[in-house]
Structures are given as C-alpha cells and as structure tokens.
Amino acid sequence: MIRKVISPESLGAALREARRQQGLSQTEAGRPVGLDQPTVSRVEQGSPGTRLDTLFRLLAALDLELVLQPRQPAANSSEEDSW
C-alpha cells in the first residue's frame, strides 16, 4: 500500500486502512507495542500532538515504514496541506 500523506488526518486514515486490511482491532494493533485502544484511536483520527515515538510504535505494530521523498507538484489544488 502506497499512500500520499499530506496531513495528520490522511496519516490516520492510512494507518486505519492498513490496520483493517490486516483484520486487527485497535486494541489488537496496539497491544504488542504497548499502546492502548484510545491512543490508537487518537492517532487514526489525526489528533494533534501525537508523539513521534507513538507513531513509530504503531507503524512497527502494523509492519509499516515511513518513507520521505521530495514533494511532487500538486495536480489538484484541493490536495494542499491542512495545517
């Protein structure tokens, strides 16, 4: 799954999609890395203030990695950062 992430909300949606594709509940996804269900829910909602270590723990639990690359020009003006 390759997905463009341009906001906390789109990151949360991508993580939720990956978790669901693996057939995991929020509790099941968080348990191996010490995250409780409310924390996983907040990350999936794109809640501001998510700590980087929390994000990386959830990425590890879902067997995902974060890849940074230069931006591509937006073809659609609705695809702007939502900061």
N, C-alpha and C. Protein backbone atom coordinates (compact mmCIF):
# COMPACT_ATOMS: atom_id res chain seq x y z
N MET A 1 0.84 -1.17 0.00
CA MET A 1 0.00 0.00 0.00
C MET A 1 0.89 1.24 0.00
N ILE A 2 0.80 2.03 -1.01
CA ILE A 2 1.48 3.32 -1.06
C ILE A 2 0.40 4.37 -1.06
N ARG A 3 0.54 5.29 -0.12
CA ARG A 3 -0.49 6.31 0.02
C ARG A 3 0.17 7.64 0.30
N LYS A 4 -0.29 8.67 -0.37
CA LYS A 4 0.22 10.02 -0.15
C LYS A 4 -0.40 10.57 1.13
N VAL A 5 0.46 11.02 2.02
CA VAL A 5 0.01 11.57 3.30
C VAL A 5 0.39 13.04 3.33
N ILE A 6 -0.63 13.91 3.48
CA ILE A 6 -0.37 15.34 3.46
C ILE A 6 -0.89 16.06 4.70
N SER A 7 -1.43 15.29 5.64
CA SER A 7 -1.96 15.90 6.86
C SER A 7 -2.04 14.83 7.95
N PRO A 8 -2.18 15.24 9.19
CA PRO A 8 -2.37 14.25 10.26
C PRO A 8 -3.60 13.37 10.00
N GLU A 9 -4.64 13.96 9.43
CA GLU A 9 -5.86 13.19 9.17
C GLU A 9 -5.63 12.12 8.11
N SER A 10 -4.88 12.47 7.05
CA SER A 10 -4.64 11.47 6.00
C SER A 10 -3.68 10.39 6.49
N LEU A 11 -2.76 10.74 7.39
CA LEU A 11 -1.90 9.73 8.00
C LEU A 11 -2.75 8.78 8.84
N GLY A 12 -3.63 9.33 9.63
CA GLY A 12 -4.51 8.49 10.45
C GLY A 12 -5.37 7.57 9.60
N ALA A 13 -5.89 8.09 8.50
CA ALA A 13 -6.72 7.28 7.61
C ALA A 13 -5.90 6.15 6.99
N ALA A 14 -4.66 6.43 6.62
CA ALA A 14 -3.79 5.40 6.04
C ALA A 14 -3.49 4.30 7.07
N LEU A 15 -3.24 4.70 8.32
CA LEU A 15 -2.98 3.71 9.36
C LEU A 15 -4.23 2.88 9.65
N ARG A 16 -5.38 3.53 9.69
CA ARG A 16 -6.65 2.81 9.91
C ARG A 16 -6.88 1.79 8.80
N GLU A 17 -6.65 2.21 7.56
CA GLU A 17 -6.83 1.30 6.42
C GLU A 17 -5.89 0.10 6.52
N ALA A 18 -4.63 0.35 6.86
CA ALA A 18 -3.66 -0.74 7.00
C ALA A 18 -4.07 -1.70 8.11
N ARG A 19 -4.52 -1.15 9.23
CA ARG A 19 -4.95 -1.99 10.35
C ARG A 19 -6.13 -2.85 9.95
N ARG A 20 -7.10 -2.26 9.30
CA ARG A 20 -8.29 -3.01 8.88
C ARG A 20 -7.95 -4.07 7.85
N GLN A 21 -7.04 -3.77 6.93
CA GLN A 21 -6.62 -4.76 5.94
C GLN A 21 -5.97 -5.97 6.60
N GLN A 22 -5.36 -5.76 7.75
CA GLN A 22 -4.74 -6.85 8.49
C GLN A 22 -5.73 -7.55 9.41
N GLY A 23 -6.97 -7.06 9.42
CA GLY A 23 -8.01 -7.68 10.24
C GLY A 23 -7.82 -7.48 11.73
N LEU A 24 -7.22 -6.37 12.12
CA LEU A 24 -6.95 -6.10 13.52
C LEU A 24 -7.88 -5.04 14.07
N SER A 25 -8.27 -5.21 15.31
CA SER A 25 -8.98 -4.14 16.02
C SER A 25 -7.93 -3.14 16.51
N GLN A 26 -8.36 -2.00 16.97
CA GLN A 26 -7.42 -1.02 17.52
C GLN A 26 -6.69 -1.61 18.72
N THR A 27 -7.38 -2.35 19.54
CA THR A 27 -6.77 -2.98 20.71
C THR A 27 -5.72 -3.99 20.29
N GLU A 28 -6.03 -4.82 19.31
CA GLU A 28 -5.10 -5.84 18.85
C GLU A 28 -3.86 -5.22 18.20
N ALA A 29 -4.05 -4.12 17.48
CA ALA A 29 -2.91 -3.45 16.83
C ALA A 29 -1.98 -2.83 17.86
N GLY A 30 -2.54 -2.23 18.88
CA GLY A 30 -1.72 -1.53 19.86
C GLY A 30 -1.07 -2.40 20.91
N ARG A 31 -1.70 -3.51 21.24
CA ARG A 31 -1.21 -4.35 22.35
C ARG A 31 0.25 -4.76 22.23
N PRO A 32 0.74 -5.25 21.07
CA PRO A 32 2.13 -5.72 21.01
C PRO A 32 3.17 -4.62 21.26
N VAL A 33 2.80 -3.37 21.06
CA VAL A 33 3.75 -2.27 21.23
C VAL A 33 3.39 -1.38 22.41
N GLY A 34 2.49 -1.84 23.25
CA GLY A 34 2.17 -1.12 24.47
C GLY A 34 1.29 0.10 24.30
N LEU A 35 0.47 0.14 23.24
CA LEU A 35 -0.46 1.26 23.04
C LEU A 35 -1.87 0.78 23.35
N ASP A 36 -2.61 1.60 24.10
CA ASP A 36 -3.99 1.21 24.40
C ASP A 36 -4.93 1.65 23.28
N GLN A 37 -6.14 1.15 23.29
CA GLN A 37 -7.10 1.43 22.23
C GLN A 37 -7.38 2.92 22.06
N PRO A 38 -7.58 3.69 23.14
CA PRO A 38 -7.82 5.13 22.95
C PRO A 38 -6.66 5.85 22.24
N THR A 39 -5.43 5.42 22.50
CA THR A 39 -4.28 6.03 21.84
C THR A 39 -4.28 5.73 20.35
N VAL A 40 -4.53 4.47 19.99
CA VAL A 40 -4.60 4.10 18.58
C VAL A 40 -5.71 4.89 17.90
N SER A 41 -6.83 5.04 18.56
CA SER A 41 -7.96 5.79 18.01
C SER A 41 -7.57 7.24 17.75
N ARG A 42 -6.88 7.87 18.70
CA ARG A 42 -6.47 9.27 18.52
C ARG A 42 -5.52 9.43 17.34
N VAL A 43 -4.59 8.49 17.18
CA VAL A 43 -3.67 8.56 16.04
C VAL A 43 -4.45 8.43 14.74
N GLU A 44 -5.38 7.49 14.68
CA GLU A 44 -6.17 7.27 13.47
C GLU A 44 -7.08 8.46 13.15
N GLN A 45 -7.44 9.24 14.15
CA GLN A 45 -8.27 10.42 13.92
C GLN A 45 -7.44 11.63 13.50
N GLY A 46 -6.12 11.49 13.53
CA GLY A 46 -5.25 12.60 13.16
C GLY A 46 -5.17 13.65 14.25
N SER A 47 -5.33 13.20 15.48
CA SER A 47 -5.31 14.11 16.62
C SER A 47 -3.99 14.86 16.72
N PRO A 48 -4.03 16.17 16.91
CA PRO A 48 -2.78 16.92 17.06
C PRO A 48 -2.06 16.51 18.34
N GLY A 49 -0.76 16.61 18.30
CA GLY A 49 0.02 16.31 19.49
C GLY A 49 0.45 14.86 19.61
N THR A 50 0.24 14.05 18.58
CA THR A 50 0.70 12.66 18.64
C THR A 50 2.23 12.66 18.68
N ARG A 51 2.76 11.96 19.65
CA ARG A 51 4.20 11.89 19.79
C ARG A 51 4.81 11.01 18.71
N LEU A 52 6.01 11.35 18.28
CA LEU A 52 6.68 10.58 17.25
C LEU A 52 6.92 9.13 17.69
N ASP A 53 7.28 8.93 18.94
CA ASP A 53 7.51 7.55 19.39
C ASP A 53 6.21 6.74 19.33
N THR A 54 5.08 7.37 19.59
CA THR A 54 3.79 6.69 19.48
C THR A 54 3.53 6.31 18.03
N LEU A 55 3.77 7.24 17.11
CA LEU A 55 3.59 6.96 15.70
C LEU A 55 4.47 5.80 15.26
N PHE A 56 5.74 5.83 15.63
CA PHE A 56 6.64 4.77 15.19
C PHE A 56 6.30 3.42 15.83
N ARG A 57 5.79 3.42 17.03
CA ARG A 57 5.35 2.17 17.65
C ARG A 57 4.18 1.58 16.88
N LEU A 58 3.23 2.43 16.47
CA LEU A 58 2.09 1.94 15.71
C LEU A 58 2.53 1.48 14.32
N LEU A 59 3.42 2.21 13.68
CA LEU A 59 3.96 1.77 12.39
C LEU A 59 4.61 0.38 12.52
N ALA A 60 5.38 0.17 13.57
CA ALA A 60 6.02 -1.13 13.79
C ALA A 60 4.97 -2.22 14.00
N ALA A 61 3.94 -1.91 14.77
CA ALA A 61 2.90 -2.91 15.04
C ALA A 61 2.19 -3.33 13.76
N LEU A 62 2.08 -2.41 12.80
CA LEU A 62 1.40 -2.69 11.54
C LEU A 62 2.37 -3.11 10.44
N ASP A 63 3.65 -3.28 10.80
CA ASP A 63 4.69 -3.68 9.86
C ASP A 63 4.77 -2.71 8.69
N LEU A 64 4.78 -1.41 9.02
CA LEU A 64 4.87 -0.34 8.02
C LEU A 64 6.14 0.46 8.27
N GLU A 65 6.57 1.18 7.25
CA GLU A 65 7.69 2.09 7.41
C GLU A 65 7.32 3.46 6.86
N LEU A 66 8.00 4.45 7.35
CA LEU A 66 7.80 5.82 6.90
C LEU A 66 8.91 6.14 5.91
N VAL A 67 8.53 6.60 4.72
CA VAL A 67 9.49 6.96 3.68
C VAL A 67 9.28 8.41 3.32
N LEU A 68 10.35 9.19 3.36
CA LEU A 68 10.28 10.60 3.00
C LEU A 68 10.83 10.77 1.60
N GLN A 69 10.17 11.60 0.81
CA GLN A 69 10.64 11.89 -0.53
C GLN A 69 10.26 13.32 -0.87
N PRO A 70 10.94 13.90 -1.85
CA PRO A 70 10.59 15.27 -2.25
C PRO A 70 9.15 15.34 -2.72
N ARG A 71 8.54 16.48 -2.49
CA ARG A 71 7.16 16.70 -2.93
C ARG A 71 7.07 16.72 -4.44
N GLN A 72 5.95 16.25 -4.92
CA GLN A 72 5.59 16.39 -6.32
C GLN A 72 4.60 17.55 -6.41
N PRO A 73 4.64 18.33 -7.45
CA PRO A 73 3.68 19.42 -7.57
C PRO A 73 2.25 18.86 -7.54
N ALA A 74 1.40 19.52 -6.79
CA ALA A 74 0.01 19.07 -6.67
C ALA A 74 -0.72 19.33 -7.98
N ALA A 75 -1.29 18.27 -8.54
CA ALA A 75 -2.07 18.40 -9.78
C ALA A 75 -3.46 18.93 -9.48
N ASN A 76 -3.89 18.73 -8.24
CA ASN A 76 -5.23 19.13 -7.83
C ASN A 76 -5.08 20.10 -6.66
N SER A 77 -5.58 21.30 -6.79
CA SER A 77 -5.39 22.31 -5.74
C SER A 77 -6.06 21.94 -4.43
N SER A 78 -6.95 20.93 -4.43
CA SER A 78 -7.60 20.52 -3.18
C SER A 78 -6.69 19.62 -2.36
N GLU A 79 -5.54 19.23 -2.91
CA GLU A 79 -4.60 18.37 -2.22
C GLU A 79 -3.53 19.20 -1.52
N GLU A 80 -3.91 20.18 -0.75
CA GLU A 80 -2.95 21.01 -0.05
C GLU A 80 -2.83 20.55 1.38
N ASP A 81 -1.72 20.90 1.98
CA ASP A 81 -1.54 20.61 3.40
C ASP A 81 -2.64 21.26 4.19
N SER A 82 -3.12 20.59 5.20
CA SER A 82 -4.19 21.17 6.03
C SER A 82 -3.64 21.56 7.39
N TRP A 83 -2.73 22.50 7.39
CA TRP A 83 -2.14 22.96 8.65
C TRP A 83 -2.80 24.21 9.05
